[in-house]
N, C-alpha and C. Protein backbone atom coordinates (compact mmCIF):
# COMPACT_ATOMS: atom_id res chain seq x y z
N MET A 1 177.73 78.87 107.50
CA MET A 1 176.64 79.89 107.65
C MET A 1 176.64 80.73 108.73
N GLY A 2 176.51 81.81 108.74
CA GLY A 2 176.64 82.53 110.09
C GLY A 2 175.24 83.24 110.16
N SER A 3 175.11 84.04 111.22
CA SER A 3 173.76 84.20 111.88
C SER A 3 173.45 85.61 110.73
N PHE A 4 172.12 85.49 110.94
CA PHE A 4 171.62 86.55 110.28
C PHE A 4 170.00 86.91 111.11
N ARG A 5 169.69 88.00 110.32
CA ARG A 5 168.64 88.83 110.94
C ARG A 5 166.94 88.56 110.19
N THR A 6 165.64 87.97 110.95
CA THR A 6 164.56 88.14 110.26
C THR A 6 163.19 88.42 111.52
N ILE A 7 162.35 88.21 111.09
CA ILE A 7 161.19 88.28 111.59
C ILE A 7 160.25 87.30 112.23
N SER A 8 159.79 87.23 113.06
CA SER A 8 158.99 86.44 113.65
C SER A 8 157.53 86.46 113.35
N GLY A 9 157.08 85.47 112.66
CA GLY A 9 155.65 85.54 112.35
C GLY A 9 155.39 86.46 111.59
N GLU A 10 154.17 87.23 111.59
CA GLU A 10 153.39 88.09 110.69
C GLU A 10 153.24 89.43 111.40
N SER A 11 153.07 90.51 110.82
CA SER A 11 152.58 91.81 110.96
C SER A 11 152.20 92.56 110.10
N PHE A 12 151.21 93.51 110.92
CA PHE A 12 150.68 94.53 109.78
C PHE A 12 150.63 95.96 110.00
N ALA A 13 150.83 96.87 109.50
CA ALA A 13 150.31 98.41 110.04
C ALA A 13 149.68 99.13 108.72
N GLU A 14 149.24 100.44 108.88
CA GLU A 14 148.82 101.29 108.06
C GLU A 14 148.70 102.66 108.33
N PHE A 15 148.93 103.41 107.20
CA PHE A 15 148.64 105.05 107.22
C PHE A 15 148.38 105.44 106.05
N VAL A 16 148.15 106.79 106.33
CA VAL A 16 147.48 107.74 104.97
C VAL A 16 148.18 108.73 104.81
N GLU A 17 148.21 108.74 103.14
CA GLU A 17 149.44 109.92 102.32
C GLU A 17 148.39 110.54 101.69
N LYS A 18 147.92 112.11 101.99
CA LYS A 18 147.38 112.62 100.84
C LYS A 18 146.32 111.95 100.36
N ARG A 19 145.31 111.18 101.08
CA ARG A 19 143.89 110.43 100.93
C ARG A 19 144.41 109.28 100.07
N SER A 20 145.51 108.79 99.95
CA SER A 20 145.99 107.31 99.66
C SER A 20 146.11 106.50 100.71
N LYS A 21 145.25 105.33 100.88
CA LYS A 21 145.48 104.64 102.31
C LYS A 21 146.42 103.16 101.86
N PHE A 22 147.40 103.06 102.72
CA PHE A 22 148.48 102.21 102.43
C PHE A 22 148.17 101.10 103.33
N LEU A 23 148.34 99.76 103.33
CA LEU A 23 148.23 98.87 104.40
C LEU A 23 149.54 97.80 103.97
N CYS A 24 150.05 97.96 105.02
CA CYS A 24 151.31 97.27 104.73
C CYS A 24 151.38 95.90 105.81
N TYR A 25 151.96 95.24 104.97
CA TYR A 25 151.93 93.47 105.52
C TYR A 25 153.30 92.56 105.23
N ALA A 26 153.90 92.31 106.36
CA ALA A 26 155.23 91.48 106.31
C ALA A 26 155.25 90.25 106.93
N LYS A 27 156.12 88.99 106.61
CA LYS A 27 155.54 88.06 107.13
C LYS A 27 157.07 87.21 107.16
N HIS A 28 157.68 86.38 107.99
CA HIS A 28 158.41 85.73 107.62
C HIS A 28 158.18 84.53 106.74
N VAL A 29 159.25 84.17 105.70
CA VAL A 29 159.13 82.99 104.72
C VAL A 29 160.78 82.57 104.68
N GLU A 30 160.67 81.62 104.15
CA GLU A 30 161.95 80.69 103.92
C GLU A 30 162.35 80.59 102.29
N SER A 31 161.54 80.72 101.29
CA SER A 31 161.54 80.03 100.14
C SER A 31 160.89 81.08 99.14
N ARG A 32 161.19 80.62 97.89
CA ARG A 32 160.47 81.54 96.89
C ARG A 32 158.87 81.35 96.89
N VAL A 33 158.83 80.19 96.85
CA VAL A 33 157.40 79.67 96.91
C VAL A 33 156.21 80.19 97.83
N ALA A 34 157.10 80.21 99.43
CA ALA A 34 156.33 80.86 100.71
C ALA A 34 156.03 82.30 100.34
N ALA A 35 157.21 83.01 99.67
CA ALA A 35 157.08 84.17 99.36
C ALA A 35 156.06 84.86 98.69
N GLU A 36 156.24 84.01 97.28
CA GLU A 36 155.11 84.47 96.14
C GLU A 36 153.81 83.70 96.77
N ASP A 37 153.47 82.62 97.50
CA ASP A 37 152.19 82.11 97.92
C ASP A 37 151.66 83.49 99.07
N TYR A 38 152.54 83.79 99.87
CA TYR A 38 152.15 85.16 100.73
C TYR A 38 151.77 86.52 99.63
N ILE A 39 152.44 86.80 99.07
CA ILE A 39 151.98 87.67 97.98
C ILE A 39 150.99 87.70 97.35
N SER A 40 150.54 86.35 96.80
CA SER A 40 149.48 86.07 95.90
C SER A 40 148.15 86.21 97.00
N CYS A 41 148.21 85.55 98.29
CA CYS A 41 147.05 85.77 99.18
C CYS A 41 147.00 87.21 99.64
N ILE A 42 147.73 88.29 99.95
CA ILE A 42 147.70 89.70 99.81
C ILE A 42 146.80 90.21 98.69
N LYS A 43 147.27 89.73 97.59
CA LYS A 43 146.58 90.67 96.51
C LYS A 43 145.43 89.84 96.04
N SER A 44 144.95 88.93 96.29
CA SER A 44 143.65 88.50 96.63
C SER A 44 142.91 88.96 97.33
N LYS A 45 143.39 89.04 98.48
CA LYS A 45 142.43 90.05 99.61
C LYS A 45 142.18 91.32 99.06
N HIS A 46 143.17 91.95 98.60
CA HIS A 46 142.94 93.61 97.76
C HIS A 46 143.05 93.44 96.37
N TRP A 47 141.93 92.69 96.06
CA TRP A 47 142.12 92.68 94.57
C TRP A 47 141.66 94.03 93.77
N ASP A 48 140.90 94.75 94.53
CA ASP A 48 140.26 95.80 94.41
C ASP A 48 141.11 96.94 94.50
N ALA A 49 142.33 96.77 95.00
CA ALA A 49 143.41 97.91 95.31
C ALA A 49 143.94 98.16 93.62
N LYS A 50 144.41 99.39 93.35
CA LYS A 50 145.27 99.89 92.32
C LYS A 50 146.58 99.12 92.25
N HIS A 51 147.07 99.07 93.52
CA HIS A 51 148.40 98.50 93.54
C HIS A 51 148.75 97.62 94.59
N ASN A 52 149.38 96.87 94.21
CA ASN A 52 150.11 95.91 95.30
C ASN A 52 151.47 95.52 95.21
N VAL A 53 151.89 96.29 95.84
CA VAL A 53 153.68 96.61 95.68
C VAL A 53 154.40 95.75 96.61
N TYR A 54 155.45 94.91 96.37
CA TYR A 54 156.05 93.91 97.26
C TYR A 54 157.65 93.93 96.95
N ALA A 55 158.08 93.41 98.15
CA ALA A 55 159.68 92.69 97.79
C ALA A 55 159.90 91.75 98.87
N TYR A 56 160.94 90.84 98.66
CA TYR A 56 161.01 89.59 99.86
C TYR A 56 162.68 89.58 99.50
N ARG A 57 163.13 89.22 100.46
CA ARG A 57 164.64 88.46 100.75
C ARG A 57 164.74 87.75 101.29
N LEU A 58 165.58 86.66 100.89
CA LEU A 58 165.77 85.46 101.15
C LEU A 58 167.17 85.12 101.29
N HIS A 59 167.46 84.26 102.64
CA HIS A 59 169.01 84.35 103.11
C HIS A 59 169.71 83.33 102.30
N THR A 60 169.06 82.24 102.15
CA THR A 60 169.32 80.87 101.52
C THR A 60 169.51 81.46 100.01
N GLY A 61 170.76 81.58 99.48
CA GLY A 61 171.34 82.28 97.68
C GLY A 61 171.35 83.44 97.62
N ASN A 62 170.76 84.31 98.52
CA ASN A 62 171.12 85.43 98.91
C ASN A 62 170.60 86.23 97.55
N PHE A 63 169.00 85.90 97.85
CA PHE A 63 168.22 86.23 96.56
C PHE A 63 167.09 87.26 97.34
N SER A 64 166.59 88.18 96.36
CA SER A 64 165.95 89.29 96.60
C SER A 64 165.05 89.37 95.20
N LYS A 65 163.77 90.02 95.23
CA LYS A 65 162.82 90.37 94.41
C LYS A 65 161.83 91.48 94.73
N SER A 66 161.78 92.31 93.92
CA SER A 66 161.03 93.49 93.66
C SER A 66 159.97 93.87 92.88
N CYS A 67 158.63 94.65 93.17
CA CYS A 67 157.57 94.42 92.23
C CYS A 67 157.28 95.93 92.52
N ASP A 68 156.85 96.74 91.01
CA ASP A 68 156.47 98.20 91.40
C ASP A 68 154.69 97.85 91.13
N ASP A 69 154.14 97.03 90.79
CA ASP A 69 152.77 96.75 90.27
C ASP A 69 151.88 98.17 89.60
N GLY A 70 152.74 98.49 88.78
CA GLY A 70 151.92 99.47 87.82
C GLY A 70 152.55 101.14 88.54
N GLU A 71 153.20 101.09 89.69
CA GLU A 71 153.60 102.57 89.94
C GLU A 71 155.02 102.89 88.99
N PRO A 72 155.19 104.02 88.90
CA PRO A 72 156.68 104.08 87.91
C PRO A 72 157.62 103.63 88.57
N GLN A 73 158.58 103.08 87.43
CA GLN A 73 159.45 102.16 87.66
C GLN A 73 160.49 102.60 89.07
N ARG A 74 160.76 101.72 89.71
CA ARG A 74 161.46 101.97 90.80
C ARG A 74 161.36 102.76 91.86
N THR A 75 160.00 103.23 92.00
CA THR A 75 159.48 104.12 92.76
C THR A 75 158.65 103.55 94.02
N ALA A 76 158.75 102.16 93.88
CA ALA A 76 157.49 101.48 95.01
C ALA A 76 158.36 100.14 95.78
N GLY A 77 158.40 98.98 94.52
CA GLY A 77 159.23 97.73 95.09
C GLY A 77 160.63 97.91 95.56
N MET A 78 161.18 99.01 95.08
CA MET A 78 162.55 98.85 95.19
C MET A 78 162.92 99.85 96.53
N PRO A 79 162.01 100.53 97.00
CA PRO A 79 162.58 101.67 98.23
C PRO A 79 161.75 100.50 99.44
N VAL A 80 160.56 99.47 98.83
CA VAL A 80 160.70 98.73 100.13
C VAL A 80 161.54 97.39 100.37
N LEU A 81 162.14 97.24 98.80
CA LEU A 81 163.40 96.36 99.50
C LEU A 81 164.52 96.95 99.94
N ASN A 82 165.00 98.32 99.34
CA ASN A 82 166.09 98.87 100.15
C ASN A 82 165.77 98.85 101.85
N ARG A 83 164.69 98.86 102.30
CA ARG A 83 164.26 99.29 103.61
C ARG A 83 164.41 97.69 104.28
N LEU A 84 164.27 96.82 103.54
CA LEU A 84 164.73 95.49 104.12
C LEU A 84 165.95 95.23 104.33
N VAL A 85 167.31 95.67 102.95
CA VAL A 85 168.24 95.92 103.09
C VAL A 85 168.92 96.89 104.34
N SER A 86 168.70 98.20 104.64
CA SER A 86 169.29 98.69 105.41
C SER A 86 168.80 98.47 106.89
N MET A 87 167.80 97.60 107.04
CA MET A 87 167.30 97.19 108.41
C MET A 87 168.21 95.76 108.54
N GLU A 88 168.71 95.12 107.73
CA GLU A 88 169.10 93.74 107.68
C GLU A 88 168.58 92.87 108.06
N ILE A 89 167.13 92.43 107.21
CA ILE A 89 166.52 91.77 107.49
C ILE A 89 166.34 90.92 105.93
N THR A 90 166.12 89.38 106.52
CA THR A 90 166.03 88.59 105.24
C THR A 90 164.97 87.57 105.69
N ASP A 91 164.63 86.90 104.95
CA ASP A 91 163.71 85.80 105.11
C ASP A 91 162.35 86.49 105.08
N CYS A 92 162.27 87.26 104.66
CA CYS A 92 160.88 88.04 104.73
C CYS A 92 160.12 88.83 103.69
N ALA A 93 159.04 88.66 103.48
CA ALA A 93 158.40 89.11 102.37
C ALA A 93 157.47 90.49 102.56
N ILE A 94 157.63 91.56 102.20
CA ILE A 94 156.61 92.86 102.22
C ILE A 94 155.60 92.87 101.29
N VAL A 95 154.49 93.39 101.39
CA VAL A 95 153.56 93.74 100.31
C VAL A 95 152.77 95.13 100.74
N VAL A 96 152.99 96.13 100.26
CA VAL A 96 152.03 97.32 100.63
C VAL A 96 151.26 97.87 99.56
N THR A 97 150.04 97.67 99.86
CA THR A 97 148.99 97.87 99.19
C THR A 97 148.43 99.12 99.25
N ARG A 98 148.44 99.75 97.86
CA ARG A 98 147.68 101.05 98.04
C ARG A 98 146.57 101.45 97.46
N TYR A 99 145.38 101.90 98.41
CA TYR A 99 144.26 102.41 97.44
C TYR A 99 144.29 103.79 97.07
N PHE A 100 144.46 104.27 96.09
CA PHE A 100 144.70 105.51 95.51
C PHE A 100 143.50 106.39 95.87
N GLY A 101 144.08 108.10 96.65
CA GLY A 101 142.78 108.76 97.22
C GLY A 101 142.76 109.80 95.94
N GLY A 102 143.11 109.62 94.94
CA GLY A 102 142.85 110.74 94.10
C GLY A 102 143.88 112.04 93.95
N ILE A 103 145.03 111.81 94.86
CA ILE A 103 146.19 113.01 94.64
C ILE A 103 147.08 112.22 94.15
N LEU A 104 148.08 112.69 93.35
CA LEU A 104 149.25 112.07 93.01
C LEU A 104 150.57 112.47 93.63
N LEU A 105 151.24 111.77 94.01
CA LEU A 105 152.22 111.82 95.24
C LEU A 105 153.69 112.33 94.37
N GLY A 106 153.85 111.99 93.13
CA GLY A 106 154.94 112.34 92.21
C GLY A 106 156.02 111.35 92.61
N THR A 107 156.89 111.01 91.69
CA THR A 107 157.87 109.98 92.12
C THR A 107 158.50 110.14 93.40
N GLY A 108 158.97 111.24 93.81
CA GLY A 108 159.51 111.29 95.22
C GLY A 108 158.71 110.94 96.47
N GLY A 109 157.44 111.45 95.83
CA GLY A 109 156.51 111.37 96.99
C GLY A 109 156.09 109.85 97.22
N LEU A 110 156.32 109.02 96.40
CA LEU A 110 155.79 107.69 96.00
C LEU A 110 157.07 106.75 96.81
N ALA A 111 158.37 106.82 96.55
CA ALA A 111 159.30 106.67 97.10
C ALA A 111 159.06 106.53 98.77
N ARG A 112 159.28 107.92 99.09
CA ARG A 112 159.15 108.05 100.29
C ARG A 112 157.86 107.50 100.89
N ALA A 113 156.72 107.21 100.45
CA ALA A 113 155.81 106.70 101.20
C ALA A 113 155.57 105.03 100.99
N TYR A 114 155.98 104.62 100.12
CA TYR A 114 156.78 102.90 100.62
C TYR A 114 157.62 102.45 101.39
N SER A 115 158.77 103.42 101.13
CA SER A 115 159.89 102.98 101.99
C SER A 115 159.36 103.19 103.70
N HIS A 116 158.47 104.43 103.69
CA HIS A 116 157.94 104.51 105.13
C HIS A 116 156.89 103.36 105.54
N GLY A 117 155.99 102.88 104.54
CA GLY A 117 155.28 101.86 105.03
C GLY A 117 156.22 100.31 105.34
N ALA A 118 157.25 100.10 104.60
CA ALA A 118 158.07 99.38 104.71
C ALA A 118 158.58 99.25 106.08
N GLU A 119 159.33 100.27 106.56
CA GLU A 119 159.57 100.80 107.85
C GLU A 119 158.49 100.73 108.72
N LEU A 120 157.47 101.00 108.80
CA LEU A 120 156.60 101.22 109.83
C LEU A 120 155.86 99.46 110.25
N VAL A 121 155.82 99.03 108.76
CA VAL A 121 155.45 97.02 109.35
C VAL A 121 156.36 96.47 109.81
N LEU A 122 157.96 96.97 109.54
CA LEU A 122 158.84 96.57 110.08
C LEU A 122 159.10 96.45 111.74
N GLU A 123 158.83 97.82 112.10
CA GLU A 123 159.02 98.45 113.21
C GLU A 123 157.85 97.60 114.31
N SER A 124 157.04 97.14 113.74
CA SER A 124 156.15 96.55 114.38
C SER A 124 156.01 95.04 114.50
N CYS A 125 156.99 94.40 114.03
CA CYS A 125 157.50 93.14 113.85
C CYS A 125 158.34 92.56 115.31
N GLU A 126 158.65 91.40 115.37
CA GLU A 126 159.84 90.99 116.69
C GLU A 126 160.83 90.58 115.39
N VAL A 127 161.99 91.38 115.72
CA VAL A 127 163.03 91.05 114.96
C VAL A 127 163.94 90.07 115.81
N VAL A 128 164.07 88.89 115.03
CA VAL A 128 165.26 87.85 116.03
C VAL A 128 166.42 87.58 114.98
N GLU A 129 167.27 87.45 115.72
CA GLU A 129 168.42 86.81 115.30
C GLU A 129 168.45 85.26 114.93
N VAL A 130 168.68 84.73 113.67
CA VAL A 130 168.81 83.29 113.67
C VAL A 130 170.34 82.80 113.51
N ARG A 131 170.66 81.93 114.60
CA ARG A 131 171.97 81.27 114.60
C ARG A 131 172.03 79.87 114.04
N PRO A 132 173.21 79.53 113.53
CA PRO A 132 173.48 78.04 113.50
C PRO A 132 173.65 77.32 114.79
N CYS A 133 173.00 76.64 115.22
CA CYS A 133 173.25 76.00 116.51
C CYS A 133 173.24 74.19 116.26
N VAL A 134 173.95 73.74 117.31
CA VAL A 134 173.37 72.32 117.66
C VAL A 134 172.49 71.87 118.48
N ALA A 135 171.74 71.01 118.33
CA ALA A 135 170.41 70.45 119.38
C ALA A 135 171.30 69.70 119.96
N VAL A 136 171.40 69.84 121.54
CA VAL A 136 172.26 68.98 122.38
C VAL A 136 171.38 68.28 123.56
N ARG A 137 171.36 67.49 123.73
CA ARG A 137 170.47 66.37 124.92
C ARG A 137 171.48 66.26 126.09
N LEU A 138 171.31 66.54 127.07
CA LEU A 138 172.19 66.23 128.37
C LEU A 138 171.71 65.26 129.19
N ARG A 139 172.28 64.56 129.97
CA ARG A 139 171.54 63.60 130.95
C ARG A 139 172.89 63.54 132.42
N PHE A 140 171.94 64.09 133.39
CA PHE A 140 172.89 64.27 134.45
C PHE A 140 172.32 64.23 135.87
N GLY A 141 173.00 63.95 137.16
CA GLY A 141 172.65 63.93 138.32
C GLY A 141 172.58 65.37 138.86
N TYR A 142 171.61 65.03 139.78
CA TYR A 142 171.11 66.45 140.61
C TYR A 142 172.13 67.20 141.40
N GLU A 143 173.00 66.28 141.44
CA GLU A 143 174.41 66.73 142.42
C GLU A 143 174.97 67.94 141.49
N VAL A 144 174.94 67.85 139.97
CA VAL A 144 175.70 68.80 139.23
C VAL A 144 175.14 69.71 138.21
N PHE A 145 173.72 69.85 138.77
CA PHE A 145 172.54 70.75 138.27
C PHE A 145 173.17 71.69 138.03
N ASP A 146 173.21 72.35 139.20
CA ASP A 146 173.84 73.70 139.38
C ASP A 146 174.95 74.01 138.38
N LYS A 147 175.99 73.31 138.46
CA LYS A 147 177.22 73.60 137.42
C LYS A 147 176.89 73.19 136.21
N VAL A 148 175.68 72.21 135.66
CA VAL A 148 175.60 72.33 134.21
C VAL A 148 175.10 73.45 134.05
N LYS A 149 173.66 74.36 134.53
CA LYS A 149 173.37 75.41 134.44
C LYS A 149 173.96 76.09 134.45
N LYS A 150 175.05 76.80 135.07
CA LYS A 150 175.90 77.76 135.12
C LYS A 150 176.91 77.51 133.65
N ILE A 151 177.13 76.36 133.24
CA ILE A 151 177.93 76.42 132.23
C ILE A 151 176.95 76.82 130.95
N VAL A 152 175.85 76.29 130.77
CA VAL A 152 174.91 76.62 129.73
C VAL A 152 174.75 78.03 129.56
N ASP A 153 174.38 78.83 130.98
CA ASP A 153 174.35 80.35 130.92
C ASP A 153 175.61 80.88 130.34
N ARG A 154 176.55 79.99 130.86
CA ARG A 154 178.05 80.99 129.88
C ARG A 154 177.76 80.96 128.58
N PHE A 155 177.17 79.91 128.00
CA PHE A 155 177.45 79.70 126.75
C PHE A 155 176.27 80.82 126.10
N GLY A 156 175.45 81.64 126.64
CA GLY A 156 174.51 82.07 126.28
C GLY A 156 173.19 81.82 125.62
N ALA A 157 173.07 79.87 126.44
CA ALA A 157 172.10 79.24 126.15
C ALA A 157 170.97 79.14 127.00
N LYS A 158 170.27 77.82 126.99
CA LYS A 158 169.45 77.78 128.05
C LYS A 158 168.90 76.42 128.46
N LEU A 159 168.23 75.58 129.37
CA LEU A 159 167.83 74.27 129.37
C LEU A 159 166.39 74.75 129.43
N PHE A 160 165.86 73.78 128.52
CA PHE A 160 164.50 73.42 128.21
C PHE A 160 164.27 71.91 127.90
N ASP A 161 162.62 71.51 128.11
CA ASP A 161 162.09 70.12 127.86
C ASP A 161 163.05 69.13 129.14
N CYS A 162 163.07 69.99 130.43
CA CYS A 162 163.78 69.06 131.53
C CYS A 162 162.90 67.97 132.15
N ILE A 163 163.64 67.27 132.37
CA ILE A 163 162.54 65.70 132.71
C ILE A 163 163.24 65.18 133.79
N TYR A 164 162.32 65.23 135.01
CA TYR A 164 162.88 65.00 136.24
C TYR A 164 162.68 63.31 136.63
N THR A 165 163.66 62.84 136.73
CA THR A 165 163.47 61.26 137.52
C THR A 165 164.35 61.00 138.53
N ASN A 166 165.19 59.72 138.01
CA ASN A 166 166.45 59.57 138.95
C ASN A 166 167.42 60.45 139.20
N SER A 167 167.51 61.04 137.36
CA SER A 167 168.27 61.79 136.97
C SER A 167 167.72 62.92 136.18
N VAL A 168 168.30 63.99 135.97
CA VAL A 168 167.56 65.08 135.03
C VAL A 168 168.40 64.57 133.41
N GLU A 169 167.07 64.89 132.54
CA GLU A 169 167.32 65.18 131.15
C GLU A 169 166.88 66.14 130.61
N SER A 170 167.59 67.02 129.77
CA SER A 170 167.15 68.42 129.40
C SER A 170 168.04 68.69 127.91
N ARG A 171 167.12 69.50 127.21
CA ARG A 171 167.94 69.76 125.99
C ARG A 171 168.43 71.10 126.05
N THR A 172 169.34 71.62 124.97
CA THR A 172 169.92 73.04 124.95
C THR A 172 170.26 72.85 123.49
N TYR A 173 170.33 74.56 122.93
CA TYR A 173 170.69 74.62 121.68
C TYR A 173 172.42 75.11 121.99
N ILE A 174 173.33 75.22 121.31
CA ILE A 174 174.70 75.64 121.41
C ILE A 174 175.09 76.19 120.22
N GLU A 175 176.11 77.26 119.96
CA GLU A 175 176.25 77.80 118.66
C GLU A 175 177.18 76.87 118.15
N ARG A 176 176.66 76.23 116.81
CA ARG A 176 177.79 74.98 116.12
C ARG A 176 179.44 75.51 116.03
N ASP A 177 179.85 76.72 116.20
CA ASP A 177 181.44 76.81 116.24
C ASP A 177 181.76 76.77 117.82
N ARG A 178 180.82 76.51 118.20
CA ARG A 178 181.36 76.52 119.92
C ARG A 178 181.01 75.15 120.76
N ILE A 179 180.37 74.03 120.09
CA ILE A 179 180.09 73.14 120.57
C ILE A 179 181.53 71.87 120.96
N ASP A 180 182.38 72.10 120.43
CA ASP A 180 183.68 71.49 121.29
C ASP A 180 183.82 72.02 122.45
N THR A 181 184.03 73.27 122.51
CA THR A 181 184.41 74.13 123.68
C THR A 181 183.49 74.06 124.71
N PHE A 182 182.31 73.66 124.36
CA PHE A 182 181.04 73.39 125.22
C PHE A 182 181.45 72.02 126.16
N ARG A 183 181.27 71.11 125.28
CA ARG A 183 181.34 69.80 125.55
C ARG A 183 182.63 69.47 126.56
N GLN A 184 183.86 70.23 126.35
CA GLN A 184 184.98 70.55 127.26
C GLN A 184 184.83 70.86 128.69
N ALA A 185 184.04 71.94 128.30
CA ALA A 185 183.67 72.58 129.75
C ALA A 185 182.64 71.60 130.48
N ILE A 186 182.15 70.84 130.04
CA ILE A 186 181.10 70.22 130.40
C ILE A 186 181.88 69.26 131.64
N ASP A 187 182.54 68.46 130.56
CA ASP A 187 183.48 67.31 130.71
C ASP A 187 184.09 67.78 132.16
N LYS A 188 184.91 68.90 132.03
CA LYS A 188 185.66 69.30 132.95
C LYS A 188 185.26 69.69 134.26
N LEU A 189 183.90 70.69 134.36
CA LEU A 189 183.38 70.45 135.47
C LEU A 189 182.62 69.80 136.11
N SER A 190 182.20 68.94 135.30
CA SER A 190 181.39 67.59 135.73
C SER A 190 182.45 66.31 136.27
N SER A 191 183.46 66.26 136.02
CA SER A 191 184.16 65.27 136.06
C SER A 191 183.65 64.10 135.04
N GLY A 192 183.17 64.50 133.83
CA GLY A 192 182.84 63.60 132.86
C GLY A 192 181.58 62.88 133.33
N SER A 193 180.55 63.35 134.46
CA SER A 193 179.33 62.25 134.86
C SER A 193 178.34 62.98 133.96
N VAL A 194 178.41 63.85 133.07
CA VAL A 194 177.36 64.39 131.97
C VAL A 194 177.28 63.62 130.86
N GLU A 195 176.35 62.95 130.56
CA GLU A 195 176.23 62.53 129.18
C GLU A 195 175.49 63.17 128.17
N ILE A 196 176.26 63.41 126.93
CA ILE A 196 176.20 64.63 126.04
C ILE A 196 175.76 63.83 124.66
N ILE A 197 174.64 64.08 124.41
CA ILE A 197 174.04 63.72 122.87
C ILE A 197 173.94 64.46 121.80
N ILE A 198 174.49 64.50 120.84
CA ILE A 198 174.49 65.48 119.55
C ILE A 198 173.05 65.20 118.89
N GLU A 199 172.37 66.13 118.86
CA GLU A 199 171.08 65.36 118.19
C GLU A 199 170.88 65.98 116.70
N SER A 200 171.31 67.19 116.52
CA SER A 200 171.02 67.91 114.71
C SER A 200 171.47 69.02 114.76
N ASP A 201 171.64 69.41 113.68
CA ASP A 201 171.92 70.88 113.51
C ASP A 201 170.55 71.57 112.88
N GLU A 202 170.86 72.84 113.98
CA GLU A 202 169.31 73.36 113.77
C GLU A 202 169.80 74.96 113.23
N LEU A 203 168.31 75.62 113.03
CA LEU A 203 168.31 77.22 112.88
C LEU A 203 167.78 77.50 114.15
N VAL A 204 168.13 78.52 115.05
CA VAL A 204 167.61 78.84 116.25
C VAL A 204 167.17 80.18 116.30
N TYR A 205 165.96 80.62 116.30
CA TYR A 205 165.72 82.09 116.40
C TYR A 205 165.47 82.63 118.18
N ILE A 206 166.34 83.76 118.02
CA ILE A 206 166.36 84.22 119.59
C ILE A 206 166.09 85.78 119.23
N ASN A 207 165.18 86.44 120.33
CA ASN A 207 165.16 87.59 120.56
C ASN A 207 165.88 88.30 121.25
N ASP A 208 165.50 89.65 121.39
CA ASP A 208 166.68 90.63 122.02
C ASP A 208 166.94 90.35 123.35
N GLU A 209 165.95 89.61 124.12
CA GLU A 209 166.21 89.32 125.28
C GLU A 209 166.88 87.85 125.55
N ASN A 210 167.61 87.33 124.18
CA ASN A 210 168.26 86.06 124.48
C ASN A 210 167.51 84.59 124.68
N GLN A 211 165.91 84.94 124.20
CA GLN A 211 165.42 83.88 124.23
C GLN A 211 165.03 83.43 123.04
N PHE A 212 164.74 82.05 123.21
CA PHE A 212 164.22 81.36 121.83
C PHE A 212 162.95 81.35 121.54
N ARG A 213 162.71 81.96 120.29
CA ARG A 213 161.51 81.94 119.86
C ARG A 213 160.92 81.28 118.73
N ASP A 214 160.01 80.71 118.32
CA ASP A 214 159.36 80.23 117.56
C ASP A 214 159.30 81.32 115.98
N LYS A 215 159.65 80.92 115.21
CA LYS A 215 159.96 81.81 113.67
C LYS A 215 158.68 81.87 113.44
N ASN A 216 157.56 81.19 113.41
CA ASN A 216 155.96 81.44 113.42
C ASN A 216 155.25 82.26 114.30
């Protein structure tokens, strides 16, 4: 499984088009159940709205779904889904709620409005890259700290959860397909004095500044 793009947490945006009010919601989700639960939550919140259009994409299984919720076919849910696809965002659910303002938008106007709503709320999100990584625990002496940090930096990673006692213990994430190269580099530069403990495979969320992020 390669890397992919998603959003961190949840976001909201709104706009008015010819007196119709559009409320746009987006949230990070990782399953159909989570996506449907989120959609149900927004629909319950706006039970009095005429339309609660939605779309979501999931990385696992390359699954996607959209719903026009009473709007003319393919004028609402599909434009929202197409915006997710064009912006290469997955593991994300979007709901665009419309309070009708009394002026018909036409099929073209509806498609543009819902596409704009999806784009607007996605632009307000923090987009992160998800990379398949290996969680690694390192134990080493203070005398090789700078060398270890230099190698970790070279692999685009960070040291965190550092514990300082008679030695240093720290954790990092290394991309799965580079773990062997990382171990070799650490062993070579530290003359084998660094203890490397492989803990688990994890999906790591990294923002544009190459910083680890919480998906929630």
